[in-house]
Amino acid sequence: MSSSVVPKIFYQSSMPRAGSTLLQNIIAQNPSFYVTPTSGLLELVFGARLNYTNNAEFRAQDSALMKKAFLAFSRAGMEA
């Protein structure tokens, strides 16, 4: 039986001038890790949430279905 590796995503956040860039640069030296200094992911999720909650087309749909769709959309965005 083959063992599949499930990728893990870790988010690092800190106050400005706290050494987060140094930490990211040190971690990035390991080729097993993909590190990005900044990410627009939160802006994309917030924009999507704004559309899902305020757009008339989405509000006209079943709210439970739309919540499930938003969560799936957000998860896929993070995994990508």
C-alpha atoms as a PDB file:
ATOM      1  CA  MET A   1       0.000   0.000   0.000  1.00  0.00           C
ATOM      2  CA  SER A   2       1.448   3.347  -0.984  1.00  0.00           C
ATOM      3  CA  SER A   3       1.527   6.193   1.467  1.00  0.00           C
ATOM      4  CA  SER A   4       0.448   9.543   0.095  1.00  0.00           C
ATOM      5  CA  VAL A   5       1.908  12.693   1.521  1.00  0.00           C
ATOM      6  CA  VAL A   6      -0.625  15.337   2.448  1.00  0.00           C
ATOM      7  CA  PRO A   7       0.844  18.814   1.985  1.00  0.00           C
ATOM      8  CA  LYS A   8       0.700  21.014   5.023  1.00  0.00           C
ATOM      9  CA  ILE A   9       0.280  24.751   4.856  1.00  0.00           C
ATOM     10  CA  PHE A  10       1.631  26.966   7.590  1.00  0.00           C
ATOM     11  CA  TYR A  11       0.990  30.662   7.884  1.00  0.00           C
ATOM     12  CA  GLN A  12       3.339  32.969   9.665  1.00  0.00           C
ATOM     13  CA  SER A  13       2.313  36.428  10.716  1.00  0.00           C
ATOM     14  CA  SER A  14       3.919  38.947  12.980  1.00  0.00           C
ATOM     15  CA  MET A  15       4.185  42.587  13.784  1.00  0.00           C
ATOM     16  CA  PRO A  16       6.370  44.765  11.555  1.00  0.00           C
ATOM     17  CA  ARG A  17      10.098  44.680  12.313  1.00  0.00           C
ATOM     18  CA  ALA A  18       9.754  41.470  14.340  1.00  0.00           C
ATOM     19  CA  GLY A  19      12.113  39.353  12.235  1.00  0.00           C
ATOM     20  CA  SER A  20       9.535  37.574  10.095  1.00  0.00           C
ATOM     21  CA  THR A  21      11.433  38.245   6.859  1.00  0.00           C
ATOM     22  CA  LEU A  22      14.606  36.806   8.377  1.00  0.00           C
ATOM     23  CA  LEU A  23      12.703  33.720   9.528  1.00  0.00           C
ATOM     24  CA  GLN A  24      11.168  33.255   6.073  1.00  0.00           C
ATOM     25  CA  ASN A  25      14.557  33.619   4.399  1.00  0.00           C
ATOM     26  CA  ILE A  26      16.092  31.013   6.711  1.00  0.00           C
ATOM     27  CA  ILE A  27      13.248  28.544   6.103  1.00  0.00           C
ATOM     28  CA  ALA A  28      13.434  29.168   2.342  1.00  0.00           C
ATOM     29  CA  GLN A  29      17.015  27.857   2.296  1.00  0.00           C
ATOM     30  CA  ASN A  30      15.581  24.367   2.757  1.00  0.00           C
ATOM     31  CA  PRO A  31      14.498  23.074  -0.672  1.00  0.00           C
ATOM     32  CA  SER A  32      11.722  21.023   0.951  1.00  0.00           C
ATOM     33  CA  PHE A  33       9.796  24.211   1.719  1.00  0.00           C
ATOM     34  CA  TYR A  34       8.141  26.775  -0.499  1.00  0.00           C
ATOM     35  CA  VAL A  35       8.209  30.179   1.162  1.00  0.00           C
ATOM     36  CA  THR A  36       6.746  33.417  -0.080  1.00  0.00           C
ATOM     37  CA  PRO A  37       7.466  36.670   1.738  1.00  0.00           C
ATOM     38  CA  THR A  38       4.068  38.173   1.048  1.00  0.00           C
ATOM     39  CA  SER A  39       0.821  36.764  -0.144  1.00  0.00           C
ATOM     40  CA  GLY A  40      -2.334  38.265  -1.549  1.00  0.00           C
ATOM     41  CA  LEU A  41      -4.304  35.261  -0.338  1.00  0.00           C
ATOM     42  CA  LEU A  42      -6.167  37.110   2.408  1.00  0.00           C
ATOM     43  CA  GLU A  43      -7.214  39.860   0.011  1.00  0.00           C
ATOM     44  CA  LEU A  44      -8.573  37.221  -2.380  1.00  0.00           C
ATOM     45  CA  VAL A  45     -10.518  35.468   0.392  1.00  0.00           C
ATOM     46  CA  PHE A  46     -11.905  38.760   1.715  1.00  0.00           C
ATOM     47  CA  GLY A  47     -12.949  39.792  -1.798  1.00  0.00           C
ATOM     48  CA  ALA A  48     -14.658  36.449  -2.368  1.00  0.00           C
ATOM     49  CA  ARG A  49     -16.422  36.693   0.992  1.00  0.00           C
ATOM     50  CA  LEU A  50     -17.662  40.154   0.080  1.00  0.00           C
ATOM     51  CA  ASN A  51     -19.115  38.777  -3.166  1.00  0.00           C
ATOM     52  CA  TYR A  52     -20.667  35.735  -1.489  1.00  0.00           C
ATOM     53  CA  THR A  53     -22.327  37.835   1.212  1.00  0.00           C
ATOM     54  CA  ASN A  54     -23.347  40.975  -0.706  1.00  0.00           C
ATOM     55  CA  ASN A  55     -23.976  39.907  -4.294  1.00  0.00           C
ATOM     56  CA  ALA A  56     -27.689  39.534  -5.068  1.00  0.00           C
ATOM     57  CA  GLU A  57     -27.110  36.413  -7.159  1.00  0.00           C
ATOM     58  CA  PHE A  58     -25.407  34.632  -4.283  1.00  0.00           C
ATOM     59  CA  ARG A  59     -27.909  35.845  -1.679  1.00  0.00           C
ATOM     60  CA  ALA A  60     -30.753  34.413  -3.776  1.00  0.00           C
ATOM     61  CA  GLN A  61     -29.284  30.926  -3.393  1.00  0.00           C
ATOM     62  CA  ASP A  62     -29.638  28.574  -0.445  1.00  0.00           C
ATOM     63  CA  SER A  63     -27.413  30.004   2.301  1.00  0.00           C
ATOM     64  CA  ALA A  64     -26.123  26.589   3.437  1.00  0.00           C
ATOM     65  CA  LEU A  65     -25.175  25.731  -0.134  1.00  0.00           C
ATOM     66  CA  MET A  66     -23.432  29.087  -0.582  1.00  0.00           C
ATOM     67  CA  LYS A  67     -21.507  28.636   2.676  1.00  0.00           C
ATOM     68  CA  LYS A  68     -20.342  25.220   1.515  1.00  0.00           C
ATOM     69  CA  ALA A  69     -19.354  26.686  -1.873  1.00  0.00           C
ATOM     70  CA  PHE A  70     -17.439  29.554  -0.260  1.00  0.00           C
ATOM     71  CA  LEU A  71     -15.534  27.202   2.036  1.00  0.00           C
ATOM     72  CA  ALA A  72     -14.644  24.943  -0.893  1.00  0.00           C
ATOM     73  CA  PHE A  73     -13.543  27.960  -2.936  1.00  0.00           C
ATOM     74  CA  SER A  74     -11.386  29.247  -0.079  1.00  0.00           C
ATOM     75  CA  ARG A  75      -9.804  25.848   0.540  1.00  0.00           C
ATOM     76  CA  ALA A  76      -8.966  25.418  -3.137  1.00  0.00           C
ATOM     77  CA  GLY A  77      -7.443  28.896  -3.204  1.00  0.00           C
ATOM     78  CA  MET A  78      -5.208  28.116  -0.253  1.00  0.00           C
ATOM     79  CA  GLU A  79      -4.134  24.788  -1.692  1.00  0.00           C
ATOM     80  CA  ALA A  80      -3.277  26.370  -5.032  1.00  0.00           C
END
